[in-house]
């Protein structure tokens, strides 16, 4: 309509004509991608702190950068996408009478070697389970002879709880006195999953590996994960 108003010799122009004109100018009709941003008011400061610690840990021969996260898994199939005919709706069986078994997986990822360290936990993660995992994790790195590790994790309540933080302080005092591996913790900004490599791995497992599969027992689910 704007072109017809401005060009005297032009009486009409179809949508296809508009598309071709814009295409000649290098402009195409494209869907905008959604872009998440963190609501953390100190995002830039905390990310810069994370980047400094990450670079330091990567450069230190006696240190390691370690990513830690948890995820829940259930025996029910996860929401998934599938190619299907227009009149065929793919469905996954779900029986109401069956109990829903949930388990949580604690996982760390070595930034240098990409090797995981895993522990399963029944039910909801909490401070007690987190401390138990940290004890096993630090024993693991002590056996590898590291002087320190920098642990990156999110702001989950069981990470920032007074009990967990008190254990970390007490452990570092003991590590200094006994020559154990020191634990340096870096807490990521609020709602910033793109800063945690394990987030994409957990998402791939749930939607691409597990997908529409059903498991008779939790053990089979854990083996698949």
Protein backbone atom coordinates (compact mmCIF):
# COMPACT_ATOMS: atom_id res chain seq x y z
CA UNK A 1 0.00 0.00 0.00
CA UNK A 2 2.85 2.39 0.81
CA UNK A 3 4.53 1.71 -2.55
CA UNK A 4 1.29 2.16 -4.52
CA UNK A 5 0.74 5.54 -2.85
CA UNK A 6 4.26 6.73 -3.78
CA UNK A 7 4.69 5.28 -7.31
CA UNK A 8 2.27 6.70 -9.91
CA UNK A 9 2.80 3.88 -12.45
CA UNK A 10 2.08 1.21 -9.82
CA UNK A 11 -1.56 0.26 -9.29
CA UNK A 12 -1.10 -2.92 -7.26
CA UNK A 13 1.64 -5.12 -5.79
CA UNK A 14 1.17 -8.69 -4.57
CA UNK A 15 2.74 -10.08 -1.37
CA UNK A 16 5.00 -12.21 -3.60
CA UNK A 17 6.17 -9.07 -5.36
CA UNK A 18 7.01 -7.48 -2.01
CA UNK A 19 8.91 -10.61 -0.99
CA UNK A 20 10.99 -10.57 -4.19
CA UNK A 21 11.82 -6.89 -3.84
CA UNK A 22 12.95 -7.37 -0.24
CA UNK A 23 14.89 -10.50 -1.18
CA UNK A 24 16.88 -8.46 -3.73
CA UNK A 25 17.83 -6.18 -0.82
CA UNK A 26 18.98 -9.16 1.25
CA UNK A 27 15.95 -9.13 3.55
CA UNK A 28 13.98 -12.32 4.31
CA UNK A 29 10.98 -13.18 6.46
CA UNK A 30 12.46 -15.01 9.42
CA UNK A 31 11.26 -15.96 12.85
CA UNK A 32 13.13 -14.27 15.67
CA UNK A 33 14.80 -16.60 18.17
CA UNK A 34 13.92 -16.26 21.82
CA UNK A 35 16.83 -15.00 23.89
CA UNK A 36 16.93 -15.55 27.64
CA UNK A 37 18.44 -12.93 29.89
CA UNK A 38 19.25 -13.24 33.56
CA UNK A 39 17.26 -11.07 36.01
CA UNK A 40 20.30 -10.94 38.30
CA UNK A 41 21.15 -7.22 38.83
CA UNK A 42 24.79 -8.20 39.40
CA UNK A 43 24.98 -10.54 36.42
CA UNK A 44 27.92 -8.79 34.74
CA UNK A 45 29.98 -8.71 37.95
CA UNK A 46 29.29 -12.35 38.82
CA UNK A 47 29.93 -13.56 35.28
CA UNK A 48 33.24 -11.67 35.19
CA UNK A 49 34.16 -13.31 38.50
CA UNK A 50 33.29 -16.72 37.05
CA UNK A 51 35.37 -16.05 33.94
CA UNK A 52 38.42 -15.05 36.01
CA UNK A 53 38.23 -18.14 38.21
CA UNK A 54 37.66 -20.39 35.20
CA UNK A 55 40.71 -19.02 33.38
CA UNK A 56 42.82 -19.32 36.54
CA UNK A 57 41.78 -22.94 37.18
CA UNK A 58 42.36 -23.90 33.55
CA UNK A 59 45.88 -22.47 33.61
CA UNK A 60 46.94 -24.01 36.95
CA UNK A 61 48.61 -27.43 36.60
CA UNK A 62 47.74 -28.31 40.21
CA UNK A 63 44.13 -27.15 39.98
CA UNK A 64 40.91 -28.08 38.20
CA UNK A 65 37.68 -26.39 37.15
CA UNK A 66 34.65 -28.50 38.00
CA UNK A 67 30.98 -27.95 37.06
CA UNK A 68 28.32 -29.31 39.43
CA UNK A 69 24.58 -29.65 38.86
CA UNK A 70 21.65 -31.96 39.66
CA UNK A 71 18.69 -33.19 37.67
CA UNK A 72 15.58 -35.23 38.42
CA UNK A 73 14.49 -38.29 36.47
CA UNK A 74 11.18 -40.15 36.54
CA UNK A 75 10.03 -43.43 35.00
CA UNK A 76 7.32 -41.64 33.01
CA UNK A 77 8.14 -40.71 29.41
CA UNK A 78 9.22 -37.12 28.88
CA UNK A 79 7.48 -34.72 26.54
CA UNK A 80 8.85 -35.29 23.10
CA UNK A 81 8.37 -34.35 19.44
CA UNK A 82 7.86 -36.87 16.67
CA UNK A 83 7.13 -36.83 12.92
CA UNK A 84 3.56 -38.04 12.38
CA UNK A 85 0.74 -37.84 9.84
CA UNK A 86 -1.56 -34.84 10.13
CA UNK A 87 -4.45 -37.02 11.37
CA UNK A 88 -2.26 -39.17 13.65
CA UNK A 89 -1.51 -37.83 17.13
CA UNK A 90 1.43 -39.67 18.72
CA UNK A 91 0.60 -40.84 22.22
CA UNK A 92 2.54 -42.36 25.10
CA UNK A 93 0.84 -44.74 27.52
CA UNK A 94 0.60 -43.57 31.12
CA UNK A 95 -1.16 -45.64 33.79
CA UNK A 96 -2.57 -43.71 36.72
CA UNK A 97 -2.34 -46.67 39.08
CA UNK A 98 1.45 -46.85 38.86
CA UNK A 99 3.61 -45.04 41.40
CA UNK A 100 5.90 -42.39 39.96
CA UNK A 101 9.47 -43.09 41.03
CA UNK A 102 11.79 -40.11 41.06
CA UNK A 103 15.55 -40.03 41.51
CA UNK A 104 18.06 -37.21 41.44
CA UNK A 105 21.46 -37.39 39.82
CA UNK A 106 24.33 -35.36 41.25
CA UNK A 107 26.94 -34.82 38.55
CA UNK A 108 30.19 -32.96 38.12
CA UNK A 109 32.08 -32.40 34.90
CA UNK A 110 35.84 -31.92 34.74
CA UNK A 111 36.33 -28.88 32.51
CA UNK A 112 39.67 -30.13 31.18
CA UNK A 113 39.01 -33.82 30.55
CA UNK A 114 35.17 -33.74 30.33
CA UNK A 115 35.07 -36.74 32.67
CA UNK A 116 31.96 -37.00 34.89
CA UNK A 117 31.68 -37.86 38.57
CA UNK A 118 28.19 -39.17 39.39
CA UNK A 119 26.13 -40.08 42.44
CA UNK A 120 22.43 -40.96 42.61
CA UNK A 121 20.16 -39.71 45.39
CA UNK A 122 16.64 -40.81 46.24
CA UNK A 123 13.99 -38.11 46.34
CA UNK A 124 14.57 -34.39 46.65
CA UNK A 125 18.14 -33.05 46.95
CA UNK A 126 18.88 -31.36 50.24
CA UNK A 127 21.82 -30.06 52.24
CA UNK A 128 22.59 -33.46 53.79
CA UNK A 129 22.77 -35.22 50.41
CA UNK A 130 24.78 -32.34 48.95
CA UNK A 131 27.35 -32.52 51.76
CA UNK A 132 27.64 -36.28 51.34
CA UNK A 133 28.31 -35.76 47.62
CA UNK A 134 30.89 -33.05 48.31
CA UNK A 135 32.73 -35.36 50.71
CA UNK A 136 32.97 -38.06 48.01
CA UNK A 137 33.94 -35.46 45.40
CA UNK A 138 36.79 -34.01 47.45
CA UNK A 139 38.10 -37.50 48.24
CA UNK A 140 38.07 -38.15 44.49
CA UNK A 141 40.17 -35.06 43.73
CA UNK A 142 42.47 -35.70 46.68
CA UNK A 143 43.26 -39.07 45.11
CA UNK A 144 44.14 -37.22 41.89
CA UNK A 145 46.65 -35.09 43.76
CA UNK A 146 45.11 -31.69 43.03
CA UNK A 147 46.01 -28.78 45.31
CA UNK A 148 42.65 -27.09 44.73
CA UNK A 149 39.50 -27.23 42.63
CA UNK A 150 37.17 -24.40 41.64
CA UNK A 151 33.59 -25.64 41.85
CA UNK A 152 30.98 -23.86 39.73
CA UNK A 153 27.32 -24.33 40.65
CA UNK A 154 23.99 -22.47 40.66
CA UNK A 155 22.07 -20.89 43.52
CA UNK A 156 19.97 -23.91 44.49
CA UNK A 157 18.80 -23.76 48.15
CA UNK A 158 20.85 -26.84 49.08
CA UNK A 159 23.97 -25.12 47.66
CA UNK A 160 23.54 -21.85 49.50
CA UNK A 161 22.09 -23.22 52.76
CA UNK A 162 23.81 -22.37 56.04
CA UNK A 163 24.53 -26.04 56.65
CA UNK A 164 26.27 -26.55 53.31
CA UNK A 165 28.23 -23.31 53.60
CA UNK A 166 29.31 -24.21 57.15
CA UNK A 167 30.56 -27.59 55.92
CA UNK A 168 32.59 -25.92 53.14
CA UNK A 169 34.25 -23.55 55.64
CA UNK A 170 35.00 -26.39 58.05
CA UNK A 171 36.38 -28.56 55.26
CA UNK A 172 38.73 -25.83 54.02
CA UNK A 173 40.06 -25.30 57.55
CA UNK A 174 40.78 -29.02 57.78
CA UNK A 175 42.24 -29.05 54.25
CA UNK A 176 44.64 -26.23 55.16
CA UNK A 177 45.74 -28.02 58.33
CA UNK A 178 46.09 -31.49 56.78
CA UNK A 179 47.23 -30.58 53.26
CA UNK A 180 44.06 -31.76 51.53
CA UNK A 181 42.60 -30.47 48.26
CA UNK A 182 41.16 -27.00 48.78
CA UNK A 183 37.59 -26.23 47.67
CA UNK A 184 36.92 -22.86 46.05
CA UNK A 185 33.24 -22.30 45.25
CA UNK A 186 31.93 -19.97 42.54
CA UNK A 187 28.17 -19.41 42.55
CA UNK A 188 26.74 -18.53 39.14
CA UNK A 189 24.33 -15.62 38.54
CA UNK A 190 20.61 -16.16 39.06
CA UNK A 191 18.82 -18.02 36.23
CA UNK A 192 21.78 -18.34 33.89
CA UNK A 193 21.67 -21.95 32.61
CA UNK A 194 23.81 -21.02 29.57
CA UNK A 195 26.76 -20.65 31.96
CA UNK A 196 26.40 -24.30 33.11
CA UNK A 197 27.53 -26.94 30.55
CA UNK A 198 25.65 -29.71 32.37
CA UNK A 199 22.29 -28.06 31.66
CA UNK A 200 22.42 -28.88 27.94
CA UNK A 201 23.66 -32.41 28.67
CA UNK A 202 20.76 -33.11 31.03
CA UNK A 203 18.30 -31.66 28.51
CA UNK A 204 19.68 -33.87 25.74
CA UNK A 205 19.39 -36.95 27.95
CA UNK A 206 15.78 -36.27 28.89
CA UNK A 207 14.43 -35.39 25.46
CA UNK A 208 16.68 -37.22 23.01
CA UNK A 209 17.94 -40.29 24.91
CA UNK A 210 14.98 -41.10 27.18
CA UNK A 211 12.24 -39.45 25.10
CA UNK A 212 9.17 -41.69 24.97
CA UNK A 213 10.73 -44.71 26.67
CA UNK A 214 9.13 -46.33 29.71
CA UNK A 215 11.09 -48.20 32.38
CA UNK A 216 9.81 -50.97 34.61
CA UNK A 217 12.31 -50.20 37.36
CA UNK A 218 14.33 -47.22 38.52
CA UNK A 219 17.52 -49.24 38.05
CA UNK A 220 16.85 -49.53 34.32
CA UNK A 221 16.21 -45.77 34.15
CA UNK A 222 19.51 -45.07 35.91
CA UNK A 223 21.41 -47.36 33.56
CA UNK A 224 19.90 -45.58 30.52
CA UNK A 225 20.89 -42.17 31.92
